[in-house]
Amino acid sequence: MILEFLEENSITIGTLFENGKYAFPRETDDGYCVFLDKITGKCRIHPVKPETCVAGPITFDIDAETGRFEWFLKTSKICQLAGSLRKDRKAYRKHEMSAKREIRCLVRELDAEALCAILAIEEPDTVKVAEDDASQEVLSKLKS
């Protein structure tokens, strides 16, 4: 979908993704997403951005021992939106519900190898904000 969107809109970026067991948007040398337009400060693929981008700055981990999703909010040091959400509890709660829905959808769609690859990615500069039970379907992916 992203590749089609870029082609339809005549957007050329270069190397788009880090590939491995799970493909995700590449970061530039200065640590920004390759899809960020540094002039406008906006996402170049906003209409088709992946679930994890929609969920941002909320991210997750899954603790296989406790059987729980662990939800984290990035710090404002790495995401300005996080700072805004911290100041507006109503906006935060609305975004949190949407982010959890998007991430749970992504996790259901991933195979075990891709899910484990995502969970292996370190995400410093985050603060744990909540926990929820993970489904048996999700937990079974972590045991395979």
Protein backbone atom coordinates (compact mmCIF):
# COMPACT_ATOMS: atom_id res chain seq x y z
CA MET A 1 0.00 0.00 0.00
CA ILE A 2 2.79 2.42 0.90
CA LEU A 3 4.71 1.70 -2.28
CA GLU A 4 1.57 2.23 -4.39
CA PHE A 5 0.84 5.50 -2.58
CA LEU A 6 4.38 6.78 -3.18
CA GLU A 7 4.23 5.84 -6.84
CA GLU A 8 0.77 7.38 -7.38
CA ASN A 9 1.96 10.61 -5.76
CA SER A 10 5.37 10.67 -7.48
CA ILE A 11 7.22 10.59 -4.17
CA THR A 12 10.77 9.25 -4.30
CA ILE A 13 12.59 8.62 -1.03
CA GLY A 14 15.26 5.95 -1.55
CA THR A 15 15.59 3.05 0.87
CA LEU A 16 12.27 2.92 2.67
CA PHE A 17 12.37 -0.01 5.04
CA GLU A 18 14.62 -1.90 7.41
CA ASN A 19 14.10 -5.49 6.44
CA GLY A 20 14.52 -8.58 8.49
CA LYS A 21 11.95 -10.76 10.16
CA TYR A 22 9.69 -7.69 10.22
CA ALA A 23 9.92 -4.75 7.83
CA PHE A 24 9.52 -1.28 9.32
CA PRO A 25 10.18 2.29 8.15
CA ARG A 26 13.87 3.14 8.07
CA GLU A 27 15.27 5.94 10.19
CA THR A 28 17.44 8.63 8.65
CA ASP A 29 20.97 9.24 9.93
CA ASP A 30 19.64 11.88 12.31
CA GLY A 31 17.04 9.51 13.82
CA TYR A 32 13.86 10.60 12.06
CA CYS A 33 11.45 8.42 10.13
CA VAL A 34 12.29 8.30 6.44
CA PHE A 35 8.71 9.37 5.65
CA LEU A 36 8.94 12.64 7.61
CA ASP A 37 9.00 15.71 5.42
CA LYS A 38 11.48 17.85 7.33
CA ILE A 39 10.30 21.03 5.61
CA THR A 40 6.61 20.70 6.53
CA GLY A 41 7.12 18.53 9.62
CA LYS A 42 4.39 16.18 8.33
CA CYS A 43 4.26 12.55 7.35
CA ARG A 44 4.50 12.04 3.58
CA ILE A 45 2.46 8.83 3.75
CA HIS A 46 -0.14 9.96 6.28
CA PRO A 47 -3.17 8.49 4.42
CA VAL A 48 -1.58 5.00 4.34
CA LYS A 49 0.74 4.96 7.33
CA PRO A 50 1.14 1.67 9.23
CA GLU A 51 -0.73 0.75 12.42
CA THR A 52 2.24 1.43 14.66
CA CYS A 53 2.53 4.95 13.25
CA VAL A 54 -1.18 5.56 13.79
CA ALA A 55 -0.74 4.38 17.38
CA GLY A 56 2.33 6.52 18.06
CA PRO A 57 3.50 7.75 20.48
CA ILE A 58 1.98 4.77 22.27
CA THR A 59 3.94 1.56 21.90
CA PHE A 60 3.81 -1.87 23.46
CA ASP A 61 5.47 -4.99 24.73
CA ILE A 62 3.94 -8.33 25.64
CA ASP A 63 5.04 -10.14 28.78
CA ALA A 64 4.64 -13.83 27.98
CA GLU A 65 5.06 -14.79 31.65
CA THR A 66 2.22 -12.60 32.91
CA GLY A 67 0.16 -12.85 29.72
CA ARG A 68 -0.24 -9.10 29.52
CA PHE A 69 0.18 -6.31 27.02
CA GLU A 70 2.32 -3.57 28.49
CA TRP A 71 1.57 -0.13 27.06
CA PHE A 72 4.16 2.63 26.95
CA LEU A 73 4.09 6.31 26.04
CA LYS A 74 7.17 7.74 24.39
CA THR A 75 8.70 10.72 26.13
CA SER A 76 8.35 14.21 24.74
CA LYS A 77 12.13 14.11 24.23
CA ILE A 78 11.56 11.91 21.17
CA CYS A 79 7.94 12.74 20.30
CA GLN A 80 6.27 16.14 20.60
CA LEU A 81 2.82 14.56 20.42
CA ALA A 82 3.57 12.66 23.64
CA GLY A 83 4.06 15.95 25.48
CA SER A 84 0.77 17.30 24.13
CA LEU A 85 -1.09 14.13 25.12
CA ARG A 86 0.32 14.31 28.65
CA LYS A 87 -1.18 17.78 29.04
CA ASP A 88 -4.63 16.85 27.67
CA ARG A 89 -6.06 13.82 29.48
CA LYS A 90 -9.19 13.69 27.33
CA ALA A 91 -7.16 13.65 24.12
CA TYR A 92 -4.82 11.08 25.64
CA ARG A 93 -7.66 8.69 26.55
CA LYS A 94 -9.17 8.98 23.07
CA HIS A 95 -5.81 8.35 21.44
CA GLU A 96 -5.00 5.50 23.82
CA MET A 97 -8.17 3.63 22.84
CA SER A 98 -7.40 4.07 19.15
CA ALA A 99 -3.73 3.11 19.58
CA LYS A 100 -4.54 -0.06 21.49
CA ARG A 101 -7.08 -1.06 18.84
CA GLU A 102 -4.56 -0.50 16.01
CA ILE A 103 -1.76 -2.34 17.77
CA ARG A 104 -3.96 -5.29 18.74
CA CYS A 105 -5.03 -5.54 15.08
CA LEU A 106 -1.41 -5.52 13.94
CA VAL A 107 -0.43 -8.17 16.51
CA ARG A 108 -3.28 -10.46 15.41
CA GLU A 109 -2.16 -10.20 11.77
CA LEU A 110 1.54 -10.87 12.39
CA ASP A 111 3.03 -14.32 12.32
CA ALA A 112 5.00 -15.51 15.36
CA GLU A 113 8.40 -14.69 13.86
CA ALA A 114 7.45 -11.10 12.99
CA LEU A 115 5.83 -10.52 16.39
CA CYS A 116 8.92 -11.78 18.22
CA ALA A 117 11.09 -9.52 16.01
CA ILE A 118 9.01 -6.48 16.96
CA LEU A 119 9.14 -7.35 20.65
CA ALA A 120 12.94 -7.61 20.45
CA ILE A 121 13.23 -3.95 19.37
CA GLU A 122 14.41 -1.83 22.28
CA GLU A 123 12.41 1.34 22.84
CA PRO A 124 14.16 3.61 25.32
CA ASP A 125 12.64 6.91 26.33
CA THR A 126 9.23 5.45 27.12
CA VAL A 127 7.12 5.36 30.25
CA LYS A 128 4.81 2.46 31.10
CA VAL A 129 1.22 3.74 31.25
CA ALA A 130 -1.00 0.64 31.38
CA GLU A 131 -1.36 -3.14 31.20
CA ASP A 132 -4.11 -5.31 29.71
CA ASP A 133 -4.60 -9.03 29.25
CA ALA A 134 -3.36 -10.51 25.99
CA SER A 135 -5.49 -13.09 24.22
CA GLN A 136 -4.51 -16.75 24.16
CA GLU A 137 -4.13 -16.44 20.38
CA VAL A 138 -1.45 -13.80 20.82
CA LEU A 139 0.28 -15.61 23.67
CA SER A 140 0.45 -18.81 21.63
CA LYS A 141 2.53 -16.94 19.02
CA LEU A 142 5.12 -16.19 21.68
CA LYS A 143 5.42 -19.85 22.67
CA SER A 144 6.00 -21.19 19.16
